[in-house]
Protein backbone atom coordinates (compact mmCIF):
# COMPACT_ATOMS: atom_id res chain seq x y z
CA UNK A 1 -26.84 31.43 37.04
CA UNK A 2 -29.80 30.95 39.36
CA UNK A 3 -27.98 28.25 41.26
CA UNK A 4 -25.00 30.36 41.57
CA UNK A 5 -26.91 33.68 42.62
CA UNK A 6 -28.77 31.48 45.64
CA UNK A 7 -25.68 30.20 46.69
CA UNK A 8 -23.97 33.37 47.03
CA UNK A 9 -26.87 35.02 48.76
CA UNK A 10 -26.89 31.96 51.10
CA UNK A 11 -23.02 32.55 51.80
CA UNK A 12 -23.58 36.33 52.70
CA UNK A 13 -25.75 34.98 55.52
CA UNK A 14 -23.33 32.22 56.59
CA UNK A 15 -21.84 34.34 59.56
CA UNK A 16 -23.87 37.63 59.69
CA UNK A 17 -25.91 36.38 62.64
CA UNK A 18 -22.84 35.49 64.41
CA UNK A 19 -20.51 38.61 63.93
CA UNK A 20 -23.39 40.86 64.65
CA UNK A 21 -24.12 39.29 67.67
CA UNK A 22 -20.44 39.71 68.73
CA UNK A 23 -20.24 43.46 67.91
CA UNK A 24 -23.61 43.98 70.18
CA UNK A 25 -22.67 41.29 72.91
CA UNK A 26 -22.15 43.78 75.84
CA UNK A 27 -25.48 45.58 74.95
CA UNK A 28 -27.21 42.03 74.81
CA UNK A 29 -25.82 41.02 78.11
CA UNK A 30 -26.95 44.06 79.90
CA UNK A 31 -30.38 44.02 78.08
CA UNK A 32 -31.05 40.46 79.00
CA UNK A 33 -29.38 40.46 82.28
CA UNK A 34 -26.96 37.31 81.07
CA UNK A 35 -24.78 36.04 83.56
CA UNK A 36 -21.08 35.85 82.89
CA UNK A 37 -21.16 31.98 81.94
CA UNK A 38 -24.24 32.61 79.90
CA UNK A 39 -22.76 35.23 77.91
CA UNK A 40 -19.72 33.10 77.45
CA UNK A 41 -22.09 30.26 76.39
CA UNK A 42 -23.37 32.34 73.58
CA UNK A 43 -20.06 32.99 72.09
CA UNK A 44 -19.14 29.21 71.71
CA UNK A 45 -22.94 28.46 70.76
CA UNK A 46 -21.75 28.89 67.23
CA UNK A 47 -19.11 26.37 66.99
CA UNK A 48 -21.18 23.80 68.92
CA UNK A 49 -24.23 24.23 66.42
CA UNK A 50 -21.77 23.88 63.49
CA UNK A 51 -20.31 20.93 64.80
CA UNK A 52 -23.50 19.05 66.24
CA UNK A 53 -26.19 19.99 63.31
CA UNK A 54 -23.49 19.92 60.57
CA UNK A 55 -22.94 16.26 61.11
CA UNK A 56 -26.66 15.29 60.87
CA UNK A 57 -26.91 16.94 57.50
CA UNK A 58 -25.91 13.96 55.26
CA UNK A 59 -28.84 12.11 57.05
CA UNK A 60 -31.13 15.10 56.02
CA UNK A 61 -29.83 15.17 52.37
CA UNK A 62 -30.85 11.29 51.91
CA UNK A 63 -34.38 12.31 52.93
CA UNK A 64 -34.93 16.11 51.38
CA UNK A 65 -33.68 17.70 48.31
CA UNK A 66 -30.66 20.34 48.79
CA UNK A 67 -32.91 22.84 47.37
CA UNK A 68 -35.49 22.40 50.10
CA UNK A 69 -32.88 21.92 52.73
CA UNK A 70 -31.38 25.47 51.87
CA UNK A 71 -35.19 26.76 52.00
CA UNK A 72 -35.87 25.23 55.40
CA UNK A 73 -32.07 26.36 56.46
CA UNK A 74 -32.59 29.88 55.56
CA UNK A 75 -36.06 29.86 56.90
CA UNK A 76 -34.94 28.94 60.21
CA UNK A 77 -32.09 31.50 60.11
CA UNK A 78 -34.78 34.21 59.39
CA UNK A 79 -37.35 33.03 62.10
CA UNK A 80 -34.39 32.59 64.51
CA UNK A 81 -32.93 35.94 63.90
CA UNK A 82 -36.49 37.60 64.20
CA UNK A 83 -37.39 35.76 67.60
CA UNK A 84 -34.11 36.29 69.33
CA UNK A 85 -34.27 40.25 68.37
CA UNK A 86 -37.79 40.65 70.10
CA UNK A 87 -37.54 38.50 73.12
CA UNK A 88 -36.75 39.35 76.77
CA UNK A 89 -35.90 36.08 78.07
CA UNK A 90 -32.56 34.80 78.10
CA UNK A 91 -33.25 31.38 77.62
CA UNK A 92 -35.58 32.12 74.67
CA UNK A 93 -32.77 34.04 73.18
CA UNK A 94 -30.50 31.07 73.42
CA UNK A 95 -32.98 28.79 72.07
CA UNK A 96 -33.77 31.13 69.03
CA UNK A 97 -30.19 31.65 68.23
CA UNK A 98 -29.41 28.14 68.36
CA UNK A 99 -32.61 27.84 65.47
CA UNK A 100 -30.77 30.33 63.74
CA UNK A 101 -27.49 28.67 63.76
CA UNK A 102 -29.06 25.24 62.94
CA UNK A 103 -29.82 26.96 59.46
CA UNK A 104 -26.54 28.06 58.79
CA UNK A 105 -24.95 24.59 60.12
CA UNK A 106 -26.77 22.88 57.23
CA UNK A 107 -25.89 25.57 54.66
CA UNK A 108 -22.40 25.08 55.74
CA UNK A 109 -22.31 21.59 54.40
CA UNK A 110 -24.54 21.64 51.66
CA UNK A 111 -22.68 24.62 49.49
CA UNK A 112 -19.52 22.40 48.94
CA UNK A 113 -21.79 19.59 47.40
CA UNK A 114 -23.97 22.25 45.60
CA UNK A 115 -20.46 23.11 44.04
CA UNK A 116 -19.60 19.84 42.99
CA UNK A 117 -22.70 18.91 41.56
CA UNK A 118 -23.53 22.24 39.19
CA UNK A 119 -19.87 23.51 38.74
CA UNK A 120 -17.93 20.19 38.66
CA UNK A 121 -15.35 21.94 36.14
CA UNK A 122 -15.31 25.56 38.39
CA UNK A 123 -14.95 24.24 41.63
CA UNK A 124 -12.05 26.73 42.50
CA UNK A 125 -13.79 29.96 40.65
CA UNK A 126 -17.36 29.09 42.40
CA UNK A 127 -15.94 28.11 45.82
CA UNK A 128 -13.77 31.43 45.75
CA UNK A 129 -16.99 33.50 44.69
CA UNK A 130 -19.22 32.16 47.65
CA UNK A 131 -16.26 32.21 50.16
CA UNK A 132 -15.58 35.90 49.19
CA UNK A 133 -19.65 36.52 49.69
CA UNK A 134 -19.10 34.73 53.25
CA UNK A 135 -16.23 37.16 53.82
CA UNK A 136 -18.27 40.16 52.85
CA UNK A 137 -21.32 38.98 54.80
CA UNK A 138 -18.95 38.55 57.96
CA UNK A 139 -16.98 42.00 57.56
CA UNK A 140 -20.18 44.04 56.72
CA UNK A 141 -22.37 42.43 59.68
CA UNK A 142 -19.68 43.15 62.36
CA UNK A 143 -19.04 46.94 60.97
CA UNK A 144 -22.58 47.86 60.60
CA UNK A 145 -24.39 46.15 63.78
CA UNK A 146 -23.51 48.72 66.00
CA UNK A 147 -24.24 51.73 63.75
CA UNK A 148 -27.75 50.35 63.19
CA UNK A 149 -28.46 49.74 66.92
CA UNK A 150 -27.52 53.35 67.38
CA UNK A 151 -29.66 54.67 64.62
CA UNK A 152 -32.63 52.68 65.83
CA UNK A 153 -31.78 53.03 69.41
CA UNK A 154 -32.00 49.50 70.33
CA UNK A 155 -29.42 46.55 69.94
CA UNK A 156 -32.71 44.41 68.85
CA UNK A 157 -32.71 46.43 65.61
CA UNK A 158 -28.96 45.44 65.06
CA UNK A 159 -29.59 41.83 65.61
CA UNK A 160 -32.99 41.51 63.61
CA UNK A 161 -32.01 43.38 60.35
CA UNK A 162 -30.30 40.54 59.30
CA UNK A 163 -33.27 38.43 59.17
CA UNK A 164 -34.47 40.44 55.88
CA UNK A 165 -31.19 39.17 54.15
CA UNK A 166 -31.97 35.56 55.21
CA UNK A 167 -35.32 35.84 54.01
CA UNK A 168 -34.42 37.05 50.55
CA UNK A 169 -31.65 34.34 50.32
CA UNK A 170 -34.87 31.60 50.45
CA UNK A 171 -36.42 33.03 47.13
CA UNK A 172 -33.86 31.58 44.42
CA UNK A 173 -34.19 28.09 45.80
CA UNK A 174 -38.20 28.23 46.07
CA UNK A 175 -38.68 26.91 42.59
CA UNK A 176 -36.18 23.79 42.81
CA UNK A 177 -37.82 22.85 46.09
CA UNK A 178 -41.59 23.10 44.85
CA UNK A 179 -40.29 21.06 42.15
CA UNK A 180 -38.50 18.20 44.13
CA UNK A 181 -40.13 15.20 44.75
CA UNK A 182 -40.85 13.37 47.83
CA UNK A 183 -38.10 12.81 50.44
CA UNK A 184 -35.18 10.34 49.65
CA UNK A 185 -35.59 10.32 45.69
CA UNK A 186 -33.26 11.70 43.33
CA UNK A 187 -33.88 14.89 41.49
CA UNK A 188 -33.45 15.62 37.96
CA UNK A 189 -29.84 17.11 38.17
CA UNK A 190 -28.90 14.34 40.47
CA UNK A 191 -28.89 13.84 44.31
CA UNK A 192 -26.94 12.07 46.80
CA UNK A 193 -27.68 8.33 47.24
CA UNK A 194 -30.21 7.18 49.61
CA UNK A 195 -27.49 5.25 51.52
CA UNK A 196 -23.68 6.34 51.59
CA UNK A 197 -20.80 3.59 52.00
CA UNK A 198 -18.44 6.69 52.24
CA UNK A 199 -16.94 7.00 55.82
CA UNK A 200 -14.32 9.68 56.13
CA UNK A 201 -14.16 8.89 59.72
CA UNK A 202 -12.26 5.71 58.68
CA UNK A 203 -9.95 7.35 56.36
CA UNK A 204 -6.50 9.09 56.71
CA UNK A 205 -7.67 11.82 54.32
CA UNK A 206 -11.03 12.50 56.26
CA UNK A 207 -9.09 12.90 59.55
CA UNK A 208 -6.30 15.21 57.66
CA UNK A 209 -9.21 17.34 56.33
CA UNK A 210 -10.81 17.32 59.61
CA UNK A 211 -7.87 18.41 61.62
CA UNK A 212 -6.97 21.19 58.92
CA UNK A 213 -10.33 22.64 58.65
CA UNK A 214 -10.28 22.45 62.76
CA UNK A 215 -7.02 23.99 63.43
CA UNK A 216 -7.33 26.90 60.83
CA UNK A 217 -10.92 27.60 62.43
CA UNK A 218 -9.29 27.48 66.06
CA UNK A 219 -6.89 30.05 64.92
CA UNK A 220 -9.72 32.31 62.92
CA UNK A 221 -11.81 32.37 66.02
CA UNK A 222 -9.05 32.87 68.31
CA UNK A 223 -8.01 36.13 66.27
CA UNK A 224 -11.68 37.51 65.91
CA UNK A 225 -12.25 37.08 69.88
CA UNK A 226 -8.91 38.38 71.21
CA UNK A 227 -7.02 40.11 68.33
CA UNK A 228 -8.54 43.71 69.47
CA UNK A 229 -7.61 43.21 72.87
CA UNK A 230 -3.93 42.27 72.28
CA UNK A 231 -3.71 45.58 70.00
CA UNK A 232 -5.25 47.63 73.00
CA UNK A 233 -2.94 46.12 75.45
CA UNK A 234 -0.07 47.32 73.07
CA UNK A 235 -1.35 50.97 73.69
CA UNK A 236 -3.98 51.45 70.80
CA UNK A 237 -7.21 53.15 71.23
CA UNK A 238 -10.05 50.84 71.34
CA UNK A 239 -11.64 52.13 68.07
CA UNK A 240 -8.11 51.62 66.48
CA UNK A 241 -7.79 48.24 67.64
CA UNK A 242 -11.16 47.58 66.11
CA UNK A 243 -10.05 49.01 62.92
CA UNK A 244 -6.97 46.64 62.87
CA UNK A 245 -9.23 43.56 63.34
CA UNK A 246 -11.52 44.85 60.63
CA UNK A 247 -8.62 45.22 58.52
CA UNK A 248 -7.80 41.10 58.88
CA UNK A 249 -11.61 40.25 57.36
CA UNK A 250 -11.83 43.12 54.95
CA UNK A 251 -7.91 42.15 53.57
CA UNK A 252 -9.75 38.53 53.28
CA UNK A 253 -12.06 39.12 50.78
CA UNK A 254 -9.82 39.44 47.67
CA UNK A 255 -7.76 36.19 49.55
CA UNK A 256 -11.08 34.48 49.52
CA UNK A 257 -11.49 34.81 45.61
CA UNK A 258 -7.91 34.09 44.90
CA UNK A 259 -7.06 31.30 47.23
CA UNK A 260 -9.64 28.67 45.81
CA UNK A 261 -8.80 29.71 42.07
CA UNK A 262 -4.94 28.90 42.55
CA UNK A 263 -5.99 25.62 44.53
CA UNK A 264 -7.81 24.39 41.54
CA UNK A 265 -5.28 25.32 39.24
CA UNK A 266 -2.16 23.61 41.00
CA UNK A 267 -1.54 20.01 40.78
CA UNK A 268 -0.47 19.82 44.42
CA UNK A 269 -1.47 22.05 47.51
CA UNK A 270 2.03 21.99 49.01
CA UNK A 271 3.33 25.65 47.80
CA UNK A 272 -0.03 26.86 49.37
CA UNK A 273 0.05 25.10 52.57
CA UNK A 274 3.66 26.47 53.10
CA UNK A 275 2.72 30.10 52.10
CA UNK A 276 -0.11 30.20 54.27
CA UNK A 277 2.23 28.69 57.36
CA UNK A 278 4.74 31.15 56.56
CA UNK A 279 2.86 34.19 56.65
CA UNK A 280 0.92 33.09 59.85
CA UNK A 281 4.05 32.29 61.41
CA UNK A 282 5.58 35.66 60.75
CA UNK A 283 2.64 37.39 61.99
CA UNK A 284 2.35 35.39 65.32
CA UNK A 285 6.06 36.20 65.62
CA UNK A 286 5.46 39.91 65.17
CA UNK A 287 2.39 40.20 67.48
CA UNK A 288 4.67 38.52 70.12
CA UNK A 289 7.56 40.98 69.79
CA UNK A 290 6.63 44.26 67.93
CA UNK A 291 2.84 44.36 67.97
CA UNK A 292 2.58 48.07 68.05
CA UNK A 293 5.39 48.96 65.42
CA UNK A 294 4.48 46.53 62.95
CA UNK A 295 0.66 46.23 63.27
CA UNK A 296 -0.47 46.94 59.82
CA UNK A 297 2.18 44.62 58.36
CA UNK A 298 1.00 41.60 61.09
CA UNK A 299 -2.62 42.29 60.04
CA UNK A 300 -2.02 41.97 56.46
CA UNK A 301 0.11 38.61 56.99
CA UNK A 302 -2.79 37.56 59.05
CA UNK A 303 -5.55 38.20 56.52
CA UNK A 304 -3.14 36.13 54.05
CA UNK A 305 -2.74 33.25 56.58
CA UNK A 306 -6.40 33.10 56.84
CA UNK A 307 -6.82 32.15 53.36
CA UNK A 308 -6.30 28.51 54.96
CA UNK A 309 -10.17 28.60 55.39
CA UNK A 310 -11.20 29.17 51.49
CA UNK A 311 -8.27 26.64 50.76
CA UNK A 312 -9.82 23.88 53.02
CA UNK A 313 -13.35 24.77 51.53
CA UNK A 314 -11.92 24.33 48.21
CA UNK A 315 -10.11 21.15 48.89
CA UNK A 316 -13.40 19.39 50.00
CA UNK A 317 -14.55 19.59 46.59
CA UNK A 318 -11.26 18.60 44.91
CA UNK A 319 -10.68 15.34 47.04
CA UNK A 320 -14.29 14.15 46.30
CA UNK A 321 -15.06 12.55 42.88
CA UNK A 322 -18.90 12.54 43.71
CA UNK A 323 -21.60 14.82 45.38
CA UNK A 324 -21.92 11.81 47.54
CA UNK A 325 -18.38 12.03 48.56
CA UNK A 326 -18.56 15.80 48.81
CA UNK A 327 -21.19 15.79 51.39
CA UNK A 328 -20.02 13.01 53.25
CA UNK A 329 -16.35 14.82 53.51
CA UNK A 330 -17.83 18.08 53.99
CA UNK A 331 -20.03 16.97 56.82
CA UNK A 332 -17.12 15.33 58.76
CA UNK A 333 -14.42 17.69 58.27
CA UNK A 334 -16.43 20.61 59.20
CA UNK A 335 -18.37 19.22 62.10
CA UNK A 336 -15.22 17.42 63.73
CA UNK A 337 -13.16 20.65 62.71
CA UNK A 338 -15.65 22.86 64.75
CA UNK A 339 -15.22 20.87 67.79
CA UNK A 340 -11.47 21.41 67.66
CA UNK A 341 -12.19 25.17 66.78
CA UNK A 342 -14.25 25.77 69.67
CA UNK A 343 -11.06 25.36 72.07
CA UNK A 344 -9.24 28.20 70.61
CA UNK A 345 -11.12 31.30 72.11
CA UNK A 346 -11.23 29.28 75.27
CA UNK A 347 -7.62 28.07 75.67
CA UNK A 348 -6.38 31.82 74.56
CA UNK A 349 -8.48 33.23 77.13
CA UNK A 350 -7.29 30.79 79.86
CA UNK A 351 -3.77 31.50 79.07
CA UNK A 352 -4.00 35.25 78.90
CA UNK A 353 -5.70 35.33 82.22
CA UNK A 354 -3.17 32.89 83.76
CA UNK A 355 0.07 34.64 82.53
CA UNK A 356 -1.49 38.44 82.20
CA UNK A 357 0.39 38.56 78.52
CA UNK A 358 0.23 37.19 75.29
CA UNK A 359 3.37 34.90 74.90
CA UNK A 360 1.67 32.00 76.06
CA UNK A 361 -1.49 32.32 74.10
CA UNK A 362 0.69 33.18 70.74
CA UNK A 363 2.96 30.29 71.50
CA UNK A 364 -0.15 27.85 71.77
CA UNK A 365 -1.40 29.34 68.63
CA UNK A 366 1.96 28.39 66.90
CA UNK A 367 1.68 25.12 67.99
CA UNK A 368 -1.86 24.81 66.48
CA UNK A 369 -0.26 26.16 63.41
CA UNK A 370 2.17 23.34 63.27
CA UNK A 371 -0.47 20.66 63.54
CA UNK A 372 -2.59 22.55 60.70
CA UNK A 373 0.66 22.30 58.54
CA UNK A 374 1.30 18.63 59.12
CA UNK A 375 -2.34 17.97 58.37
CA UNK A 376 -1.95 20.13 55.25
CA UNK A 377 0.78 17.84 53.77
CA UNK A 378 -1.49 15.13 53.86
CA UNK A 379 -4.34 16.78 52.12
CA UNK A 380 -1.86 18.49 49.31
CA UNK A 381 -1.35 15.55 47.07
CA UNK A 382 -4.23 14.70 44.96
CA UNK A 383 -6.33 11.96 45.98
CA UNK A 384 -10.00 10.94 46.66
CA UNK A 385 -12.18 9.97 49.40
CA UNK A 386 -14.10 7.41 47.34
CA UNK A 387 -10.67 5.39 47.14
CA UNK A 388 -9.92 5.22 50.49
CA UNK A 389 -13.09 3.39 51.83
């Protein structure tokens, strides 16, 4: 129960530092005199950090216990969020944001491995629980960052308050971290082998997982970055457009719990892959041709389609027999996937700026969805990364 509580607390922190900054980006840009280029870099920094630092996590796991890594990761997140909230330098703000994101990147990779280690027979249920916690943290941070900033009279409070939540997430892992042996040794509960012979980059399954993760993340980040603007262009008031965007993440909370449970019970994931594709396709077409008339319906369909995120997190555990395989597959799928995901908001913005409308951006998202579906067909069949070495 302590491990589960620790995982849920960590999951609450996995996007709060990102979405709180997104909600206050204009205030931060003015307060630190960020150039347009630097402000744009700030918005792409999460995917860059998740890709680069996530790839290094298997190397770290071979030298430190998972508990110690999580303690270090949450401490980095805590310190990074505090320092970026008090600095007056744009460069220091970027560096401390990178420090905070480094902690998130490590935790991103470790959580699927911990599910495999501690809850091998409840993969779907536990993955659903921590994915739901992640979604709740994402939604609450996005919704409350501005009110907190207004209450304290500064954007710094709206960013810095989340450091407290990260500090709390350290506590459940301290006992295990203090008991852990020196780097590279196994813990009593079992740890990843010092050297791993599993190379997901050399397997069809590994690349299919990475493409599916990347394609669904691409659409997710594009939706978070541009959906409110699409609704504003369709005639909605700014506050109503923001509420519609918040609806996507809010509706994602029960979906985040349901999707992994279903995935864990089904022999083949094809029905889920097709259902998610269908929902996303209908939502995109609705946004293209009737964004105002059916806005609520499109939001509901988008929320269901974004269930691809908890699905792929669950599949990482389902497609590996061991904790070793899980961390290798998790690191490759997520680090490679976030490189792909970084293109989403950028290309949507370019197409929107070039055409002045939403037909081309939505067409791009439909192409990405087709690629996602193709990769989904590969990962849908039961198989294991250890068998593909």
